[in-house]
Amino acid sequence: MRIRQISVFIENRAGRLETVAKLLGDAGINIRALSLADTSDFGILRLIVNQPEAASELLRREGFTIRLTEVVAVEIPDVPGGLAGVLAILGRGGVNVEYMYAFVEKARGKAVVVFRFENFDAAVRTLEAGSVRLLKEDELLKL
């Protein structure tokens, strides 16, 4: 249930995203999910890839500043209110969400939401108690 995510700090200028994508692609590393948040000077590219160790080593070697963090991926119904239900469970448990991003897995009719929590263990306990399905890293990488 602990998913390794790579956060890459990149300058906010043309071509930097392409450089990261090309480096990973040329190395045979597949991006399974991503999110990009930016400011005027830099961006934080958050990636879930099929080879986190190799990707981390490659990006560091190429001069990128990276950080490995643990996130949780949950499967929710792809229907109106699906996300609200999970957020209600977290709210009742007093769990703070630092950030999240999502994608839809149409073949299974589900949405997958990737969460970063202030208190990882409390969040996992709360989600499990609320019968929310947490994905294991190998499950997420196969989607």
Protein backbone atom coordinates (compact mmCIF):
# COMPACT_ATOMS: atom_id res chain seq x y z
CA MET A 1 0.00 0.00 0.00
CA ARG A 2 3.03 2.29 0.20
CA ILE A 3 3.67 3.66 -3.26
CA ARG A 4 7.03 5.24 -4.06
CA GLN A 5 6.70 8.59 -5.78
CA ILE A 6 9.52 10.64 -7.24
CA SER A 7 9.33 14.42 -6.91
CA VAL A 8 11.56 16.17 -9.43
CA PHE A 9 12.38 19.84 -8.95
CA ILE A 10 12.71 21.47 -12.35
CA GLU A 11 13.35 24.98 -13.59
CA ASN A 12 10.28 26.60 -15.03
CA ARG A 13 11.60 26.95 -18.58
CA ALA A 14 10.89 25.46 -21.97
CA GLY A 15 12.23 21.98 -22.59
CA ARG A 16 12.80 20.82 -19.02
CA LEU A 17 9.73 18.54 -18.93
CA GLU A 18 10.73 17.09 -22.27
CA THR A 19 14.22 16.38 -20.93
CA VAL A 20 12.85 14.38 -18.01
CA ALA A 21 10.38 12.47 -20.20
CA LYS A 22 13.05 11.69 -22.80
CA LEU A 23 15.59 10.53 -20.22
CA LEU A 24 13.06 8.16 -18.68
CA GLY A 25 11.76 6.96 -22.04
CA ASP A 26 15.23 6.31 -23.42
CA ALA A 27 15.99 4.25 -20.31
CA GLY A 28 12.83 2.15 -20.78
CA ILE A 29 11.17 3.61 -17.68
CA ASN A 30 7.41 3.96 -18.00
CA ILE A 31 5.51 6.82 -16.34
CA ARG A 32 2.32 5.43 -14.79
CA ALA A 33 1.00 8.65 -13.20
CA LEU A 34 2.15 12.24 -12.89
CA SER A 35 1.28 15.65 -11.56
CA LEU A 36 2.93 19.00 -12.15
CA ALA A 37 2.70 22.01 -9.87
CA ASP A 38 4.62 25.15 -10.68
CA THR A 39 5.58 28.57 -9.45
CA SER A 40 7.15 31.36 -11.45
CA ASP A 41 10.67 29.94 -10.95
CA PHE A 42 10.40 26.17 -10.63
CA GLY A 43 8.03 23.24 -10.83
CA ILE A 44 7.56 20.04 -8.91
CA LEU A 45 6.95 17.09 -11.16
CA ARG A 46 5.56 14.16 -9.21
CA LEU A 47 5.95 10.79 -10.90
CA ILE A 48 4.99 7.21 -10.28
CA VAL A 49 7.10 5.04 -12.55
CA ASN A 50 7.58 1.32 -13.10
CA GLN A 51 11.23 1.47 -11.96
CA PRO A 52 11.51 4.05 -9.15
CA GLU A 53 15.06 3.18 -8.12
CA ALA A 54 16.44 3.31 -11.66
CA ALA A 55 14.54 6.53 -12.40
CA SER A 56 15.82 8.18 -9.21
CA GLU A 57 19.41 7.21 -9.95
CA LEU A 58 19.17 8.37 -13.57
CA LEU A 59 17.65 11.74 -12.75
CA ARG A 60 20.17 12.41 -9.98
CA ARG A 61 23.02 11.47 -12.29
CA GLU A 62 21.65 13.94 -14.86
CA GLY A 63 21.72 16.74 -12.28
CA PHE A 64 18.09 16.86 -11.19
CA THR A 65 17.16 17.36 -7.56
CA ILE A 66 14.73 14.63 -6.61
CA ARG A 67 13.00 13.32 -3.53
CA LEU A 68 11.40 9.95 -2.95
CA THR A 69 8.19 10.07 -0.94
CA GLU A 70 5.51 7.60 0.03
CA VAL A 71 1.98 8.08 -1.19
CA VAL A 72 -1.22 6.05 -1.06
CA ALA A 73 -3.28 5.09 -4.10
CA VAL A 74 -6.94 4.29 -3.55
CA GLU A 75 -9.52 2.96 -5.91
CA ILE A 76 -12.87 4.73 -5.91
CA PRO A 77 -16.03 4.33 -7.96
CA ASP A 78 -15.93 6.46 -11.11
CA VAL A 79 -19.28 8.07 -10.35
CA PRO A 80 -20.40 11.49 -9.15
CA GLY A 81 -19.63 11.70 -5.43
CA GLY A 82 -17.05 8.89 -5.45
CA LEU A 83 -14.25 11.21 -4.34
CA ALA A 84 -16.49 13.00 -1.85
CA GLY A 85 -17.16 9.70 -0.08
CA VAL A 86 -13.45 9.01 0.44
CA LEU A 87 -12.82 12.58 1.55
CA ALA A 88 -15.67 12.29 4.06
CA ILE A 89 -14.05 9.19 5.58
CA LEU A 90 -10.74 11.06 5.86
CA GLY A 91 -12.46 14.12 7.32
CA ARG A 92 -14.26 12.09 9.99
CA GLY A 93 -10.89 10.55 10.87
CA GLY A 94 -9.25 13.97 11.21
CA VAL A 95 -6.79 13.15 8.42
CA ASN A 96 -5.22 16.07 6.54
CA VAL A 97 -4.52 15.69 2.81
CA GLU A 98 -1.32 17.44 1.70
CA TYR A 99 -2.05 16.95 -2.01
CA MET A 100 -3.63 14.51 -4.42
CA TYR A 101 -3.99 13.72 -8.10
CA ALA A 102 -6.09 11.22 -9.97
CA PHE A 103 -6.66 9.28 -13.15
CA VAL A 104 -9.44 7.07 -14.49
CA GLU A 105 -8.89 3.41 -15.27
CA LYS A 106 -11.70 2.88 -17.76
CA ALA A 107 -11.22 -0.87 -18.22
CA ARG A 108 -12.16 -1.38 -14.56
CA GLY A 109 -14.64 1.51 -14.35
CA LYS A 110 -12.75 2.97 -11.40
CA ALA A 111 -10.83 6.11 -10.62
CA VAL A 112 -7.49 5.97 -8.86
CA VAL A 113 -6.58 8.80 -6.51
CA VAL A 114 -3.01 9.24 -5.30
CA PHE A 115 -2.79 10.94 -1.90
CA ARG A 116 0.05 12.39 0.14
CA PHE A 117 -0.91 12.71 3.80
CA GLU A 118 0.43 14.65 6.74
CA ASN A 119 0.23 11.47 8.85
CA PHE A 120 0.67 8.44 6.59
CA ASP A 121 -0.09 5.71 9.15
CA ALA A 122 -3.20 7.42 10.53
CA ALA A 123 -4.49 7.93 6.99
CA VAL A 124 -4.01 4.26 6.10
CA ARG A 125 -5.78 3.13 9.28
CA THR A 126 -8.66 5.52 8.60
CA LEU A 127 -9.05 4.41 4.98
CA GLU A 128 -8.91 0.73 5.89
CA ALA A 129 -11.48 1.23 8.66
CA GLY A 130 -13.71 2.94 6.09
CA SER A 131 -13.40 -0.07 3.73
CA VAL A 132 -11.58 1.96 1.07
CA ARG A 133 -9.54 -0.20 -1.30
CA LEU A 134 -5.86 0.71 -1.15
CA LEU A 135 -3.75 -0.38 -4.10
CA LYS A 136 -0.40 -2.05 -3.66
CA GLU A 137 2.50 -0.65 -5.67
CA ASP A 138 2.61 -3.63 -8.03
CA GLU A 139 -1.14 -3.32 -8.70
CA LEU A 140 -0.83 0.35 -9.56
CA LEU A 141 2.09 -0.25 -11.89
CA LYS A 142 0.07 -2.84 -13.83
CA LEU A 143 -2.84 -0.48 -14.58
